Structures are given as C-alpha cells and as structure tokens.
Amino acid sequence: MDKQPMDDFRDHIKPALKSKLEEFKLFGYKDVTEAKLWDYLKNKKWRKIKELCVHEIVNDVLSVKVGDYMNYATVETYKNGKWFESEEAKDLLKDLI
C-alpha cells in the first residue's frame, strides 16, 4: 500500500476527526478544534514519522486520549508564554500583585 504525507489525507479522515472531537465534547472539552487536534497529532504522535497509510492515520486519531491531548495543550501553553493575554487573566494577575 502506498504511503503519503499525513496532510494529504486530512480531508478524507474528517469523519474520524469529527468523531474524536464529539468525544472530547462529551467529556466537557468544548474548546478543542479540528486544527488543534491535528496539530497535536502532527507534533506529538507523528513528529518523527514522514508518511503513514490512511488506516494508520485514522487509528491514531481515534486512539487519542483526552488526558494525553490536554497534557500536550498545557505544555504548549507554557511554551508559548501567552498565559496572561486574556483580559480575565490580566485582571487575575493584577489581583495577585
């Protein structure tokens, strides 16, 4: 079976992505978007992999655990250093100071 870069299959596996996002919503994580989930997969699961078959991509999407994604998202937030950009966070920071 031919292997292709993951981004080539993104449109083809939208049902799997949608299903995983619905699962996240059931657990109360409504802010996770398709783009964020795809970035997680590319940057974490497929970081060292150049090509996968479509069935491997679907399997990886459907096997994402909420806790693994949230750990990744938390670390990325710390890396980006954008902790206090929202008005709510700025107000909280002012209260602390």
PDB file of N, CA and C in Angstrom:
ATOM      1  N   MET A   1       0.847  -1.190   0.000  1.00  0.00           N
ATOM      2  CA  MET A   1       0.000   0.000   0.000  1.00  0.00           C
ATOM      3  C   MET A   1       0.883   1.240   0.000  1.00  0.00           C
ATOM      4  N   ASP A   2       0.539   2.221  -0.825  1.00  0.00           N
ATOM      5  CA  ASP A   2       1.326   3.455  -0.906  1.00  0.00           C
ATOM      6  C   ASP A   2       1.192   4.265   0.362  1.00  0.00           C
ATOM      7  N   LYS A   3       2.304   4.885   0.735  1.00  0.00           N
ATOM      8  CA  LYS A   3       2.290   5.772   1.896  1.00  0.00           C
ATOM      9  C   LYS A   3       2.389   7.204   1.397  1.00  0.00           C
ATOM     10  N   GLN A   4       1.646   8.111   2.044  1.00  0.00           N
ATOM     11  CA  GLN A   4       1.647   9.512   1.672  1.00  0.00           C
ATOM     12  C   GLN A   4       1.733  10.367   2.920  1.00  0.00           C
ATOM     13  N   PRO A   5       2.151  11.632   2.759  1.00  0.00           N
ATOM     14  CA  PRO A   5       2.188  12.531   3.926  1.00  0.00           C
ATOM     15  C   PRO A   5       0.803  12.668   4.555  1.00  0.00           C
ATOM     16  N   MET A   6       0.796  12.853   5.869  1.00  0.00           N
ATOM     17  CA  MET A   6      -0.456  12.899   6.617  1.00  0.00           C
ATOM     18  C   MET A   6      -1.415  13.987   6.149  1.00  0.00           C
ATOM     19  N   ASP A   7      -0.901  15.159   5.800  1.00  0.00           N
ATOM     20  CA  ASP A   7      -1.780  16.268   5.419  1.00  0.00           C
ATOM     21  C   ASP A   7      -2.600  15.957   4.164  1.00  0.00           C
ATOM     22  N   ASP A   8      -2.083  15.071   3.323  1.00  0.00           N
ATOM     23  CA  ASP A   8      -2.820  14.706   2.112  1.00  0.00           C
ATOM     24  C   ASP A   8      -4.140  14.015   2.429  1.00  0.00           C
ATOM     25  N   PHE A   9      -4.226  13.384   3.593  1.00  0.00           N
ATOM     26  CA  PHE A   9      -5.414  12.620   3.955  1.00  0.00           C
ATOM     27  C   PHE A   9      -6.348  13.362   4.903  1.00  0.00           C
ATOM     28  N   ARG A  10      -6.005  14.562   5.283  1.00  0.00           N
ATOM     29  CA  ARG A  10      -6.797  15.264   6.306  1.00  0.00           C
ATOM     30  C   ARG A  10      -8.266  15.378   5.918  1.00  0.00           C
ATOM     31  N   ASP A  11      -8.544  15.752   4.685  1.00  0.00           N
ATOM     32  CA  ASP A  11      -9.937  15.880   4.261  1.00  0.00           C
ATOM     33  C   ASP A  11     -10.649  14.530   4.212  1.00  0.00           C
ATOM     34  N   HIS A  12      -9.916  13.474   3.895  1.00  0.00           N
ATOM     35  CA  HIS A  12     -10.511  12.147   3.782  1.00  0.00           C
ATOM     36  C   HIS A  12     -10.892  11.557   5.144  1.00  0.00           C
ATOM     37  N   ILE A  13     -10.222  11.993   6.185  1.00  0.00           N
ATOM     38  CA  ILE A  13     -10.482  11.401   7.506  1.00  0.00           C
ATOM     39  C   ILE A  13     -11.294  12.323   8.411  1.00  0.00           C
ATOM     40  N   LYS A  14     -11.923  13.323   7.834  1.00  0.00           N
ATOM     41  CA  LYS A  14     -12.733  14.252   8.634  1.00  0.00           C
ATOM     42  C   LYS A  14     -13.766  13.543   9.512  1.00  0.00           C
ATOM     43  N   PRO A  15     -14.411  12.471   9.052  1.00  0.00           N
ATOM     44  CA  PRO A  15     -15.358  11.788   9.955  1.00  0.00           C
ATOM     45  C   PRO A  15     -14.696  11.274  11.237  1.00  0.00           C
ATOM     46  N   ALA A  16     -13.474  10.780  11.133  1.00  0.00           N
ATOM     47  CA  ALA A  16     -12.764  10.306  12.330  1.00  0.00           C
ATOM     48  C   ALA A  16     -12.428  11.482  13.240  1.00  0.00           C
ATOM     49  N   LEU A  17     -11.981  12.594  12.659  1.00  0.00           N
ATOM     50  CA  LEU A  17     -11.674  13.788  13.458  1.00  0.00           C
ATOM     51  C   LEU A  17     -12.939  14.301  14.145  1.00  0.00           C
ATOM     52  N   LYS A  18     -14.035  14.345  13.398  1.00  0.00           N
ATOM     53  CA  LYS A  18     -15.302  14.820  13.963  1.00  0.00           C
ATOM     54  C   LYS A  18     -15.737  13.921  15.121  1.00  0.00           C
ATOM     55  N   SER A  19     -15.611  12.615  14.936  1.00  0.00           N
ATOM     56  CA  SER A  19     -15.974  11.673  15.983  1.00  0.00           C
ATOM     57  C   SER A  19     -15.150  11.894  17.243  1.00  0.00           C
ATOM     58  N   LYS A  20     -13.850  12.103  17.079  1.00  0.00           N
ATOM     59  CA  LYS A  20     -12.981  12.320  18.241  1.00  0.00           C
ATOM     60  C   LYS A  20     -13.327  13.633  18.933  1.00  0.00           C
ATOM     61  N   LEU A  21     -13.623  14.675  18.162  1.00  0.00           N
ATOM     62  CA  LEU A  21     -13.997  15.960  18.759  1.00  0.00           C
ATOM     63  C   LEU A  21     -15.316  15.853  19.525  1.00  0.00           C
ATOM     64  N   GLU A  22     -16.249  15.052  19.020  1.00  0.00           N
ATOM     65  CA  GLU A  22     -17.505  14.831  19.742  1.00  0.00           C
ATOM     66  C   GLU A  22     -17.245  14.116  21.058  1.00  0.00           C
ATOM     67  N   GLU A  23     -16.310  13.191  21.057  1.00  0.00           N
ATOM     68  CA  GLU A  23     -15.931  12.506  22.302  1.00  0.00           C
ATOM     69  C   GLU A  23     -15.359  13.506  23.305  1.00  0.00           C
ATOM     70  N   PHE A  24     -14.500  14.407  22.830  1.00  0.00           N
ATOM     71  CA  PHE A  24     -13.925  15.429  23.705  1.00  0.00           C
ATOM     72  C   PHE A  24     -15.037  16.280  24.306  1.00  0.00           C
ATOM     73  N   LYS A  25     -16.034  16.637  23.497  1.00  0.00           N
ATOM     74  CA  LYS A  25     -17.143  17.457  23.990  1.00  0.00           C
ATOM     75  C   LYS A  25     -17.942  16.725  25.056  1.00  0.00           C
ATOM     76  N   LEU A  26     -18.108  15.421  24.892  1.00  0.00           N
ATOM     77  CA  LEU A  26     -18.814  14.628  25.908  1.00  0.00           C
ATOM     78  C   LEU A  26     -18.109  14.687  27.252  1.00  0.00           C
ATOM     79  N   PHE A  27     -16.784  14.811  27.220  1.00  0.00           N
ATOM     80  CA  PHE A  27     -16.005  14.908  28.455  1.00  0.00           C
ATOM     81  C   PHE A  27     -15.866  16.349  28.939  1.00  0.00           C
ATOM     82  N   GLY A  28     -16.497  17.289  28.231  1.00  0.00           N
ATOM     83  CA  GLY A  28     -16.501  18.680  28.667  1.00  0.00           C
ATOM     84  C   GLY A  28     -15.429  19.558  28.051  1.00  0.00           C
ATOM     85  N   TYR A  29     -14.706  19.059  27.069  1.00  0.00           N
ATOM     86  CA  TYR A  29     -13.647  19.841  26.419  1.00  0.00           C
ATOM     87  C   TYR A  29     -14.173  20.378  25.095  1.00  0.00           C
ATOM     88  N   LYS A  30     -14.876  21.503  25.188  1.00  0.00           N
ATOM     89  CA  LYS A  30     -15.539  22.072  24.013  1.00  0.00           C
ATOM     90  C   LYS A  30     -14.627  22.975  23.182  1.00  0.00           C
ATOM     91  N   ASP A  31     -13.477  23.367  23.739  1.00  0.00           N
ATOM     92  CA  ASP A  31     -12.593  24.299  23.045  1.00  0.00           C
ATOM     93  C   ASP A  31     -11.600  23.625  22.102  1.00  0.00           C
ATOM     94  N   VAL A  32     -11.581  22.311  22.084  1.00  0.00           N
ATOM     95  CA  VAL A  32     -10.663  21.597  21.196  1.00  0.00           C
ATOM     96  C   VAL A  32     -11.230  21.652  19.782  1.00  0.00           C
ATOM     97  N   THR A  33     -10.422  22.147  18.855  1.00  0.00           N
ATOM     98  CA  THR A  33     -10.848  22.259  17.460  1.00  0.00           C
ATOM     99  C   THR A  33     -10.152  21.200  16.615  1.00  0.00           C
ATOM    100  N   GLU A  34     -10.637  21.054  15.410  1.00  0.00           N
ATOM    101  CA  GLU A  34     -10.014  20.109  14.483  1.00  0.00           C
ATOM    102  C   GLU A  34      -8.554  20.486  14.238  1.00  0.00           C
ATOM    103  N   ALA A  35      -8.296  21.775  14.071  1.00  0.00           N
ATOM    104  CA  ALA A  35      -6.929  22.233  13.831  1.00  0.00           C
ATOM    105  C   ALA A  35      -6.011  21.925  15.017  1.00  0.00           C
ATOM    106  N   LYS A  36      -6.516  22.141  16.231  1.00  0.00           N
ATOM    107  CA  LYS A  36      -5.707  21.864  17.423  1.00  0.00           C
ATOM    108  C   LYS A  36      -5.425  20.367  17.555  1.00  0.00           C
ATOM    109  N   LEU A  37      -6.427  19.557  17.284  1.00  0.00           N
ATOM    110  CA  LEU A  37      -6.241  18.109  17.354  1.00  0.00           C
ATOM    111  C   LEU A  37      -5.245  17.650  16.288  1.00  0.00           C
ATOM    112  N   TRP A  38      -5.363  18.194  15.093  1.00  0.00           N
ATOM    113  CA  TRP A  38      -4.446  17.840  14.008  1.00  0.00           C
ATOM    114  C   TRP A  38      -3.011  18.262  14.355  1.00  0.00           C
ATOM    115  N   ASP A  39      -2.860  19.444  14.934  1.00  0.00           N
ATOM    116  CA  ASP A  39      -1.524  19.893  15.356  1.00  0.00           C
ATOM    117  C   ASP A  39      -0.936  18.956  16.404  1.00  0.00           C
ATOM    118  N   TYR A  40      -1.770  18.511  17.344  1.00  0.00           N
ATOM    119  CA  TYR A  40      -1.306  17.557  18.351  1.00  0.00           C
ATOM    120  C   TYR A  40      -0.780  16.294  17.676  1.00  0.00           C
ATOM    121  N   LEU A  41      -1.561  15.765  16.761  1.00  0.00           N
ATOM    122  CA  LEU A  41      -1.151  14.539  16.086  1.00  0.00           C
ATOM    123  C   LEU A  41       0.155  14.746  15.310  1.00  0.00           C
ATOM    124  N   LYS A  42       0.249  15.853  14.591  1.00  0.00           N
ATOM    125  CA  LYS A  42       1.464  16.112  13.808  1.00  0.00           C
ATOM    126  C   LYS A  42       2.676  16.354  14.689  1.00  0.00           C
ATOM    127  N   ASN A  43       2.494  17.105  15.771  1.00  0.00           N
ATOM    128  CA  ASN A  43       3.627  17.499  16.604  1.00  0.00           C
ATOM    129  C   ASN A  43       3.998  16.481  17.667  1.00  0.00           C
ATOM    130  N   LYS A  44       3.082  15.611  18.026  1.00  0.00           N
ATOM    131  CA  LYS A  44       3.349  14.654  19.092  1.00  0.00           C
ATOM    132  C   LYS A  44       3.429  13.224  18.550  1.00  0.00           C
ATOM    133  N   LYS A  45       2.341  12.750  17.994  1.00  0.00           N
ATOM    134  CA  LYS A  45       2.293  11.354  17.528  1.00  0.00           C
ATOM    135  C   LYS A  45       3.142  11.118  16.286  1.00  0.00           C
ATOM    136  N   TRP A  46       3.102  12.056  15.347  1.00  0.00           N
ATOM    137  CA  TRP A  46       3.759  11.844  14.063  1.00  0.00           C
ATOM    138  C   TRP A  46       5.023  12.680  13.910  1.00  0.00           C
ATOM    139  N   ARG A  47       5.563  13.151  14.999  1.00  0.00           N
ATOM    140  CA  ARG A  47       6.713  14.057  14.958  1.00  0.00           C
ATOM    141  C   ARG A  47       7.860  13.491  14.123  1.00  0.00           C
ATOM    142  N   LYS A  48       8.171  12.228  14.299  1.00  0.00           N
ATOM    143  CA  LYS A  48       9.317  11.622  13.616  1.00  0.00           C
ATOM    144  C   LYS A  48       8.926  10.767  12.419  1.00  0.00           C
ATOM    145  N   ILE A  49       7.637  10.714  12.131  1.00  0.00           N
ATOM    146  CA  ILE A  49       7.144   9.884  11.034  1.00  0.00           C
ATOM    147  C   ILE A  49       6.865  10.770   9.824  1.00  0.00           C
ATOM    148  N   LYS A  50       7.401  10.391   8.695  1.00  0.00           N
ATOM    149  CA  LYS A  50       7.204  11.181   7.471  1.00  0.00           C
ATOM    150  C   LYS A  50       5.921  10.807   6.742  1.00  0.00           C
ATOM    151  N   GLU A  51       5.598   9.521   6.701  1.00  0.00           N
ATOM    152  CA  GLU A  51       4.444   9.066   5.946  1.00  0.00           C
ATOM    153  C   GLU A  51       3.718   7.946   6.687  1.00  0.00           C
ATOM    154  N   LEU A  52       2.406   7.910   6.511  1.00  0.00           N
ATOM    155  CA  LEU A  52       1.564   6.861   7.090  1.00  0.00           C
ATOM    156  C   LEU A  52       0.506   6.476   6.069  1.00  0.00           C
ATOM    157  N   CYS A  53      -0.032   5.311   6.226  1.00  0.00           N
ATOM    158  CA  CYS A  53      -1.188   4.890   5.430  1.00  0.00           C
ATOM    159  C   CYS A  53      -2.440   5.488   6.059  1.00  0.00           C
ATOM    160  N   VAL A  54      -3.487   5.601   5.260  1.00  0.00           N
ATOM    161  CA  VAL A  54      -4.716   6.226   5.751  1.00  0.00           C
ATOM    162  C   VAL A  54      -5.282   5.464   6.949  1.00  0.00           C
ATOM    163  N   HIS A  55      -5.226   4.150   6.946  1.00  0.00           N
ATOM    164  CA  HIS A  55      -5.777   3.403   8.081  1.00  0.00           C
ATOM    165  C   HIS A  55      -4.965   3.642   9.354  1.00  0.00           C
ATOM    166  N   GLU A  56      -3.670   3.921   9.226  1.00  0.00           N
ATOM    167  CA  GLU A  56      -2.846   4.235  10.396  1.00  0.00           C
ATOM    168  C   GLU A  56      -3.199   5.613  10.950  1.00  0.00           C
ATOM    169  N   ILE A  57      -3.484   6.538  10.063  1.00  0.00           N
ATOM    170  CA  ILE A  57      -3.864   7.892  10.477  1.00  0.00           C
ATOM    171  C   ILE A  57      -5.195   7.851  11.219  1.00  0.00           C
ATOM    172  N   VAL A  58      -6.183   7.140  10.656  1.00  0.00           N
ATOM    173  CA  VAL A  58      -7.496   7.023  11.299  1.00  0.00           C
ATOM    174  C   VAL A  58      -7.342   6.365  12.668  1.00  0.00           C
ATOM    175  N   ASN A  59      -6.556   5.313  12.747  1.00  0.00           N
ATOM    176  CA  ASN A  59      -6.337   4.637  14.023  1.00  0.00           C
ATOM    177  C   ASN A  59      -5.730   5.590  15.049  1.00  0.00           C
ATOM    178  N   ASP A  60      -4.747   6.387  14.629  1.00  0.00           N
ATOM    179  CA  ASP A  60      -4.122   7.339  15.551  1.00  0.00           C
ATOM    180  C   ASP A  60      -5.127   8.386  16.030  1.00  0.00           C
ATOM    181  N   VAL A  61      -5.964   8.867  15.131  1.00  0.00           N
ATOM    182  CA  VAL A  61      -6.973   9.868  15.503  1.00  0.00           C
ATOM    183  C   VAL A  61      -7.929   9.280  16.535  1.00  0.00           C
ATOM    184  N   LEU A  62      -8.441   8.102  16.254  1.00  0.00           N
ATOM    185  CA  LEU A  62      -9.440   7.502  17.130  1.00  0.00           C
ATOM    186  C   LEU A  62      -8.872   7.018  18.457  1.00  0.00           C
ATOM    187  N   SER A  63      -7.554   6.862  18.530  1.00  0.00           N
ATOM    188  CA  SER A  63      -6.954   6.373  19.775  1.00  0.00           C
ATOM    189  C   SER A  63      -6.406   7.488  20.667  1.00  0.00           C
ATOM    190  N   VAL A  64      -6.593   8.747  20.268  1.00  0.00           N
ATOM    191  CA  VAL A  64      -6.133   9.866  21.097  1.00  0.00           C
ATOM    192  C   VAL A  64      -6.906   9.855  22.410  1.00  0.00           C
ATOM    193  N   LYS A  65      -6.177   9.943  23.501  1.00  0.00           N
ATOM    194  CA  LYS A  65      -6.797  10.015  24.827  1.00  0.00           C
ATOM    195  C   LYS A  65      -6.897  11.483  25.235  1.00  0.00           C
ATOM    196  N   VAL A  66      -8.008  11.830  25.859  1.00  0.00           N
ATOM    197  CA  VAL A  66      -8.247  13.211  26.278  1.00  0.00           C
ATOM    198  C   VAL A  66      -7.101  13.703  27.162  1.00  0.00           C
ATOM    199  N   GLY A  67      -6.672  12.887  28.105  1.00  0.00           N
ATOM    200  CA  GLY A  67      -5.594  13.282  29.017  1.00  0.00           C
ATOM    201  C   GLY A  67      -4.283  13.558  28.294  1.00  0.00           C
ATOM    202  N   ASP A  68      -3.975  12.735  27.289  1.00  0.00           N
ATOM    203  CA  ASP A  68      -2.744  12.954  26.519  1.00  0.00           C
ATOM    204  C   ASP A  68      -2.799  14.270  25.763  1.00  0.00           C
ATOM    205  N   TYR A  69      -3.963  14.540  25.150  1.00  0.00           N
ATOM    206  CA  TYR A  69      -4.105  15.800  24.427  1.00  0.00           C
ATOM    207  C   TYR A  69      -4.009  16.988  25.386  1.00  0.00           C
ATOM    208  N   MET A  70      -4.680  16.896  26.531  1.00  0.00           N
ATOM    209  CA  MET A  70      -4.674  18.017  27.471  1.00  0.00           C
ATOM    210  C   MET A  70      -3.282  18.262  28.036  1.00  0.00           C
ATOM    211  N   ASN A  71      -2.511  17.212  28.284  1.00  0.00           N
ATOM    212  CA  ASN A  71      -1.121  17.384  28.720  1.00  0.00           C
ATOM    213  C   ASN A  71      -0.323  18.132  27.667  1.00  0.00           C
ATOM    214  N   TYR A  72      -0.480  17.732  26.426  1.00  0.00           N
ATOM    215  CA  TYR A  72       0.204  18.398  25.312  1.00  0.00           C
ATOM    216  C   TYR A  72      -0.204  19.875  25.240  1.00  0.00           C
ATOM    217  N   ALA A  73      -1.516  20.133  25.303  1.00  0.00           N
ATOM    218  CA  ALA A  73      -2.012  21.510  25.203  1.00  0.00           C
ATOM    219  C   ALA A  73      -1.479  22.371  26.344  1.00  0.00           C
ATOM    220  N   THR A  74      -1.400  21.809  27.537  1.00  0.00           N
ATOM    221  CA  THR A  74      -0.879  22.547  28.696  1.00  0.00           C
ATOM    222  C   THR A  74       0.584  22.906  28.497  1.00  0.00           C
ATOM    223  N   VAL A  75       1.380  21.950  28.064  1.00  0.00           N
ATOM    224  CA  VAL A  75       2.806  22.201  27.828  1.00  0.00           C
ATOM    225  C   VAL A  75       2.985  23.249  26.734  1.00  0.00           C
ATOM    226  N   GLU A  76       2.196  23.160  25.675  1.00  0.00           N
ATOM    227  CA  GLU A  76       2.300  24.136  24.591  1.00  0.00           C
ATOM    228  C   GLU A  76       1.936  25.542  25.071  1.00  0.00           C
ATOM    229  N   THR A  77       0.963  25.633  25.948  1.00  0.00           N
ATOM    230  CA  THR A  77       0.585  26.934  26.501  1.00  0.00           C
ATOM    231  C   THR A  77       1.739  27.525  27.294  1.00  0.00           C
ATOM    232  N   TYR A  78       2.386  26.703  28.101  1.00  0.00           N
ATOM    233  CA  TYR A  78       3.546  27.177  28.865  1.00  0.00           C
ATOM    234  C   TYR A  78       4.688  27.568  27.949  1.00  0.00           C
ATOM    235  N   LYS A  79       4.919  26.812  26.911  1.00  0.00           N
ATOM    236  CA  LYS A  79       5.999  27.109  25.957  1.00  0.00           C
ATOM    237  C   LYS A  79       5.765  28.444  25.256  1.00  0.00           C
ATOM    238  N   ASN A  80       4.522  28.705  24.893  1.00  0.00           N
ATOM    239  CA  ASN A  80       4.194  29.925  24.150  1.00  0.00           C
ATOM    240  C   ASN A  80       4.241  31.165  25.022  1.00  0.00           C
ATOM    241  N   GLY A  81       4.159  30.999  26.326  1.00  0.00           N
ATOM    242  CA  GLY A  81       4.253  32.128  27.235  1.00  0.00           C
ATOM    243  C   GLY A  81       3.110  33.115  27.122  1.00  0.00           C
ATOM    244  N   LYS A  82       1.946  32.681  26.665  1.00  0.00           N
ATOM    245  CA  LYS A  82       0.799  33.572  26.488  1.00  0.00           C
ATOM    246  C   LYS A  82      -0.215  33.364  27.609  1.00  0.00           C
ATOM    247  N   TRP A  83       0.274  33.212  28.806  1.00  0.00           N
ATOM    248  CA  TRP A  83      -0.585  32.887  29.939  1.00  0.00           C
ATOM    249  C   TRP A  83      -1.528  34.023  30.304  1.00  0.00           C
ATOM    250  N   PHE A  84      -1.081  35.252  30.178  1.00  0.00           N
ATOM    251  CA  PHE A  84      -1.851  36.381  30.696  1.00  0.00           C
ATOM    252  C   PHE A  84      -2.297  37.335  29.601  1.00  0.00           C
ATOM    253  N   GLU A  85      -2.615  36.803  28.430  1.00  0.00           N
ATOM    254  CA  GLU A  85      -3.045  37.670  27.342  1.00  0.00           C
ATOM    255  C   GLU A  85      -4.529  38.029  27.401  1.00  0.00           C
ATOM    256  N   SER A  86      -5.350  37.173  27.958  1.00  0.00           N
ATOM    257  CA  SER A  86      -6.775  37.485  28.031  1.00  0.00           C
ATOM    258  C   SER A  86      -7.010  38.532  29.120  1.00  0.00           C
ATOM    259  N   GLU A  87      -8.087  39.263  28.984  1.00  0.00           N
ATOM    260  CA  GLU A  87      -8.425  40.301  29.962  1.00  0.00           C
ATOM    261  C   GLU A  87      -8.688  39.682  31.336  1.00  0.00           C
ATOM    262  N   GLU A  88      -9.338  38.545  31.345  1.00  0.00           N
ATOM    263  CA  GLU A  88      -9.619  37.855  32.604  1.00  0.00           C
ATOM    264  C   GLU A  88      -8.316  37.483  33.319  1.00  0.00           C
ATOM    265  N   ALA A  89      -7.353  36.982  32.572  1.00  0.00           N
ATOM    266  CA  ALA A  89      -6.066  36.599  33.158  1.00  0.00           C
ATOM    267  C   ALA A  89      -5.300  37.831  33.637  1.00  0.00           C
ATOM    268  N   LYS A  90      -5.383  38.917  32.881  1.00  0.00           N
ATOM    269  CA  LYS A  90      -4.704  40.153  33.288  1.00  0.00           C
ATOM    270  C   LYS A  90      -5.295  40.678  34.602  1.00  0.00           C
ATOM    271  N   ASP A  91      -6.616  40.621  34.721  1.00  0.00           N
ATOM    272  CA  ASP A  91      -7.269  41.056  35.957  1.00  0.00           C
ATOM    273  C   ASP A  91      -6.853  40.178  37.128  1.00  0.00           C
ATOM    274  N   LEU A  92      -6.772  38.884  36.905  1.00  0.00           N
ATOM    275  CA  LEU A  92      -6.335  37.952  37.944  1.00  0.00           C
ATOM    276  C   LEU A  92      -4.911  38.256  38.375  1.00  0.00           C
ATOM    277  N   LEU A  93      -4.053  38.543  37.418  1.00  0.00           N
ATOM    278  CA  LEU A  93      -2.664  38.883  37.718  1.00  0.00           C
ATOM    279  C   LEU A  93      -2.584  40.167  38.541  1.00  0.00           C
ATOM    280  N   LYS A  94      -3.397  41.166  38.182  1.00  0.00           N
ATOM    281  CA  LYS A  94      -3.411  42.419  38.934  1.00  0.00           C
ATOM    282  C   LYS A  94      -3.837  42.181  40.381  1.00  0.00           C
ATOM    283  N   ASP A  95      -4.819  41.291  40.570  1.00  0.00           N
ATOM    284  CA  ASP A  95      -5.278  40.972  41.915  1.00  0.00           C
ATOM    285  C   ASP A  95      -4.187  40.303  42.731  1.00  0.00           C
ATOM    286  N   LEU A  96      -3.377  39.525  42.092  1.00  0.00           N
ATOM    287  CA  LEU A  96      -2.292  38.824  42.785  1.00  0.00           C
ATOM    288  C   LEU A  96      -1.168  39.791  43.194  1.00  0.00           C
ATOM    289  N   ILE A  97      -0.973  40.825  42.380  1.00  0.00           N
ATOM    290  CA  ILE A  97       0.080  41.792  42.651  1.00  0.00           C
ATOM    291  C   ILE A  97      -0.457  42.817  43.604  1.00  0.00           C
TER     292      ILE A  97
END
